[in-house]
N, C-alpha and C. Protein backbone atom coordinates (compact mmCIF):
# COMPACT_ATOMS: atom_id res chain seq x y z
N UNK A 1 203.60 21.57 66.38
CA UNK A 1 203.88 22.97 66.15
C UNK A 1 203.07 23.79 67.13
N UNK A 2 203.66 24.84 67.65
CA UNK A 2 202.99 25.68 68.63
C UNK A 2 202.25 26.81 67.91
N UNK A 3 201.06 26.49 67.40
CA UNK A 3 200.29 27.48 66.64
C UNK A 3 199.79 28.61 67.52
N UNK A 4 199.49 28.31 68.76
CA UNK A 4 199.01 29.37 69.67
C UNK A 4 200.08 30.46 69.80
N UNK A 5 201.31 30.06 70.01
CA UNK A 5 202.41 31.02 70.11
C UNK A 5 202.64 31.72 68.77
N UNK A 6 202.57 30.96 67.68
CA UNK A 6 202.76 31.52 66.35
C UNK A 6 201.70 32.58 66.06
N UNK A 7 200.45 32.29 66.36
CA UNK A 7 199.35 33.24 66.12
C UNK A 7 199.54 34.48 66.97
N UNK A 8 199.87 34.29 68.23
CA UNK A 8 200.07 35.42 69.14
C UNK A 8 201.22 36.31 68.66
N UNK A 9 202.36 35.69 68.33
CA UNK A 9 203.53 36.46 67.90
C UNK A 9 203.29 37.13 66.55
N UNK A 10 202.57 36.48 65.68
CA UNK A 10 202.27 37.07 64.38
C UNK A 10 201.36 38.28 64.54
N UNK A 11 200.34 38.16 65.36
CA UNK A 11 199.42 39.28 65.60
C UNK A 11 200.14 40.46 66.25
N UNK A 12 201.14 40.18 67.05
CA UNK A 12 201.89 41.24 67.73
C UNK A 12 202.99 41.83 66.85
N UNK A 13 203.18 41.26 65.66
CA UNK A 13 204.22 41.75 64.76
C UNK A 13 205.62 41.32 65.15
N UNK A 14 205.72 40.21 65.88
CA UNK A 14 207.01 39.74 66.38
C UNK A 14 207.71 38.73 65.48
N UNK A 15 207.15 38.46 64.32
CA UNK A 15 207.78 37.53 63.39
C UNK A 15 208.33 38.35 62.23
N UNK A 16 209.63 38.23 61.96
CA UNK A 16 210.22 39.02 60.88
C UNK A 16 209.54 38.77 59.53
N UNK A 17 209.48 39.80 58.71
CA UNK A 17 208.86 39.66 57.39
C UNK A 17 209.57 38.63 56.52
N UNK A 18 210.84 38.39 56.79
CA UNK A 18 211.61 37.43 55.99
C UNK A 18 211.21 35.98 56.29
N UNK A 19 210.54 35.76 57.41
CA UNK A 19 210.15 34.40 57.81
C UNK A 19 208.85 34.01 57.13
N UNK A 20 208.87 32.87 56.45
CA UNK A 20 207.70 32.35 55.76
C UNK A 20 207.50 30.89 56.15
N UNK A 21 206.30 30.56 56.59
CA UNK A 21 205.96 29.18 56.90
C UNK A 21 205.40 28.55 55.64
N UNK A 22 206.10 27.56 55.11
CA UNK A 22 205.69 26.88 53.88
C UNK A 22 204.91 25.64 54.27
N UNK A 23 203.67 25.56 53.78
CA UNK A 23 202.78 24.45 54.11
C UNK A 23 202.61 23.56 52.89
N UNK A 24 202.58 22.26 53.13
CA UNK A 24 202.32 21.28 52.10
C UNK A 24 201.21 20.39 52.65
N UNK A 25 200.67 19.49 51.84
CA UNK A 25 199.60 18.65 52.33
C UNK A 25 200.05 17.65 53.39
N UNK A 26 201.33 17.29 53.41
CA UNK A 26 201.77 16.30 54.39
C UNK A 26 202.97 16.74 55.23
N UNK A 27 203.40 17.97 55.07
CA UNK A 27 204.54 18.46 55.86
C UNK A 27 204.62 19.98 55.72
N UNK A 28 205.71 20.52 56.14
CA UNK A 28 205.95 21.95 56.02
C UNK A 28 207.33 22.28 56.55
N UNK A 29 207.73 23.51 56.35
CA UNK A 29 209.05 23.94 56.81
C UNK A 29 209.09 25.46 56.84
N UNK A 30 210.08 25.98 57.52
CA UNK A 30 210.31 27.42 57.57
C UNK A 30 211.26 27.82 56.45
N UNK A 31 210.99 28.97 55.85
CA UNK A 31 211.84 29.53 54.81
C UNK A 31 212.27 30.91 55.28
N UNK A 32 213.48 31.30 54.97
CA UNK A 32 213.98 32.64 55.30
C UNK A 32 214.23 33.35 53.98
N UNK A 33 213.38 34.34 53.67
CA UNK A 33 213.39 35.02 52.39
C UNK A 33 214.23 36.30 52.45
N UNK A 34 215.52 36.11 52.46
CA UNK A 34 216.46 37.23 52.51
C UNK A 34 217.77 36.75 51.90
N UNK A 35 218.47 37.64 51.28
CA UNK A 35 219.75 37.27 50.69
C UNK A 35 220.82 37.30 51.77
N UNK A 36 221.07 36.13 52.34
CA UNK A 36 222.09 35.96 53.37
C UNK A 36 222.92 34.74 53.00
N UNK A 37 224.06 34.59 53.66
CA UNK A 37 224.87 33.41 53.37
C UNK A 37 224.19 32.16 53.95
N UNK A 38 224.66 31.02 53.54
CA UNK A 38 224.04 29.75 53.95
C UNK A 38 224.02 29.57 55.46
N UNK A 39 225.06 30.01 56.13
CA UNK A 39 225.13 29.84 57.58
C UNK A 39 224.03 30.65 58.28
N UNK A 40 223.85 31.89 57.88
CA UNK A 40 222.82 32.74 58.48
C UNK A 40 221.43 32.21 58.12
N UNK A 41 221.26 31.77 56.87
CA UNK A 41 220.00 31.19 56.41
C UNK A 41 219.61 30.00 57.29
N UNK A 42 220.53 29.07 57.49
CA UNK A 42 220.26 27.90 58.32
C UNK A 42 219.98 28.30 59.76
N UNK A 43 220.72 29.27 60.27
CA UNK A 43 220.55 29.73 61.64
C UNK A 43 219.15 30.31 61.85
N UNK A 44 218.70 31.15 60.93
CA UNK A 44 217.37 31.76 61.04
C UNK A 44 216.27 30.71 60.96
N UNK A 45 216.39 29.77 60.04
CA UNK A 45 215.39 28.71 59.92
C UNK A 45 215.36 27.83 61.16
N UNK A 46 216.52 27.52 61.71
CA UNK A 46 216.58 26.70 62.92
C UNK A 46 215.99 27.44 64.13
N UNK A 47 216.21 28.74 64.22
CA UNK A 47 215.62 29.53 65.30
C UNK A 47 214.09 29.44 65.25
N UNK A 48 213.53 29.60 64.06
CA UNK A 48 212.08 29.52 63.90
C UNK A 48 211.56 28.12 64.22
N UNK A 49 212.28 27.12 63.76
CA UNK A 49 211.90 25.73 64.02
C UNK A 49 211.91 25.44 65.51
N UNK A 50 212.94 25.91 66.22
CA UNK A 50 213.04 25.69 67.66
C UNK A 50 211.94 26.44 68.42
N UNK A 51 211.62 27.63 67.97
CA UNK A 51 210.65 28.47 68.68
C UNK A 51 209.21 28.00 68.46
N UNK A 52 208.88 27.61 67.21
CA UNK A 52 207.49 27.29 66.88
C UNK A 52 207.26 25.84 66.45
N UNK A 53 208.30 25.14 66.03
CA UNK A 53 208.13 23.79 65.50
C UNK A 53 207.94 23.83 64.00
N UNK A 54 207.55 22.69 63.43
CA UNK A 54 207.28 22.60 61.99
C UNK A 54 205.91 21.97 61.80
N UNK A 55 205.22 22.34 60.73
CA UNK A 55 203.87 21.82 60.49
C UNK A 55 203.88 20.38 59.97
N UNK A 56 202.76 19.73 60.19
CA UNK A 56 202.58 18.36 59.72
C UNK A 56 201.52 18.29 58.63
N UNK A 57 201.44 19.34 57.82
CA UNK A 57 200.51 19.36 56.70
C UNK A 57 199.06 19.53 57.13
N UNK A 58 198.14 18.97 56.34
CA UNK A 58 196.72 19.19 56.59
C UNK A 58 196.26 18.64 57.95
N UNK A 59 197.02 17.73 58.53
CA UNK A 59 196.66 17.20 59.85
C UNK A 59 196.69 18.29 60.92
N UNK A 60 197.39 19.37 60.67
CA UNK A 60 197.50 20.45 61.64
C UNK A 60 196.27 21.34 61.70
N UNK A 61 195.31 21.17 60.82
CA UNK A 61 194.17 22.08 60.79
C UNK A 61 193.44 22.11 62.14
N UNK A 62 193.35 20.99 62.81
CA UNK A 62 192.70 20.96 64.13
C UNK A 62 193.52 21.79 65.12
N UNK A 63 194.83 21.63 65.11
CA UNK A 63 195.69 22.40 66.01
C UNK A 63 195.60 23.90 65.74
N UNK A 64 195.51 24.27 64.47
CA UNK A 64 195.40 25.68 64.11
C UNK A 64 194.09 26.25 64.65
N UNK A 65 193.00 25.53 64.45
CA UNK A 65 191.70 26.00 64.94
C UNK A 65 191.66 26.09 66.45
N UNK A 66 192.20 25.10 67.12
CA UNK A 66 192.25 25.14 68.59
C UNK A 66 193.07 26.34 69.06
N UNK A 67 194.20 26.57 68.41
CA UNK A 67 195.04 27.71 68.77
C UNK A 67 194.31 29.03 68.56
N UNK A 68 193.40 29.07 67.59
CA UNK A 68 192.61 30.27 67.31
C UNK A 68 191.40 30.39 68.24
N UNK A 69 191.21 29.39 69.11
CA UNK A 69 190.12 29.46 70.08
C UNK A 69 188.84 28.75 69.66
N UNK A 70 188.90 27.95 68.60
CA UNK A 70 187.73 27.23 68.13
C UNK A 70 187.73 25.82 68.71
N UNK A 71 186.64 25.43 69.37
CA UNK A 71 186.53 24.07 69.90
C UNK A 71 186.44 23.12 68.71
N UNK A 72 187.44 22.25 68.56
CA UNK A 72 187.57 21.43 67.34
C UNK A 72 188.08 20.05 67.69
N UNK A 73 187.62 19.06 66.95
CA UNK A 73 188.22 17.72 67.06
C UNK A 73 188.18 17.08 65.68
N UNK A 74 189.07 16.12 65.48
CA UNK A 74 189.20 15.39 64.22
C UNK A 74 188.25 14.19 64.25
N UNK A 75 187.64 13.89 63.12
CA UNK A 75 186.78 12.69 63.09
C UNK A 75 187.31 11.67 62.09
């Protein structure tokens, strides 16, 4: 997942309010919180997935910290 881009775009207000990144301990996915038909719902989620990727759960914590500018490594 491209957390650096996600953080930058979020800080700039470029991510729609309807977009929610759902995190789990071992995976994650994008959710589109708006009343739209299934086709639009899938399209919006796929756009987010293509642009930023999907999370891999708690394993992503190192990537998130690195994207935020913190020197980090997993042990």
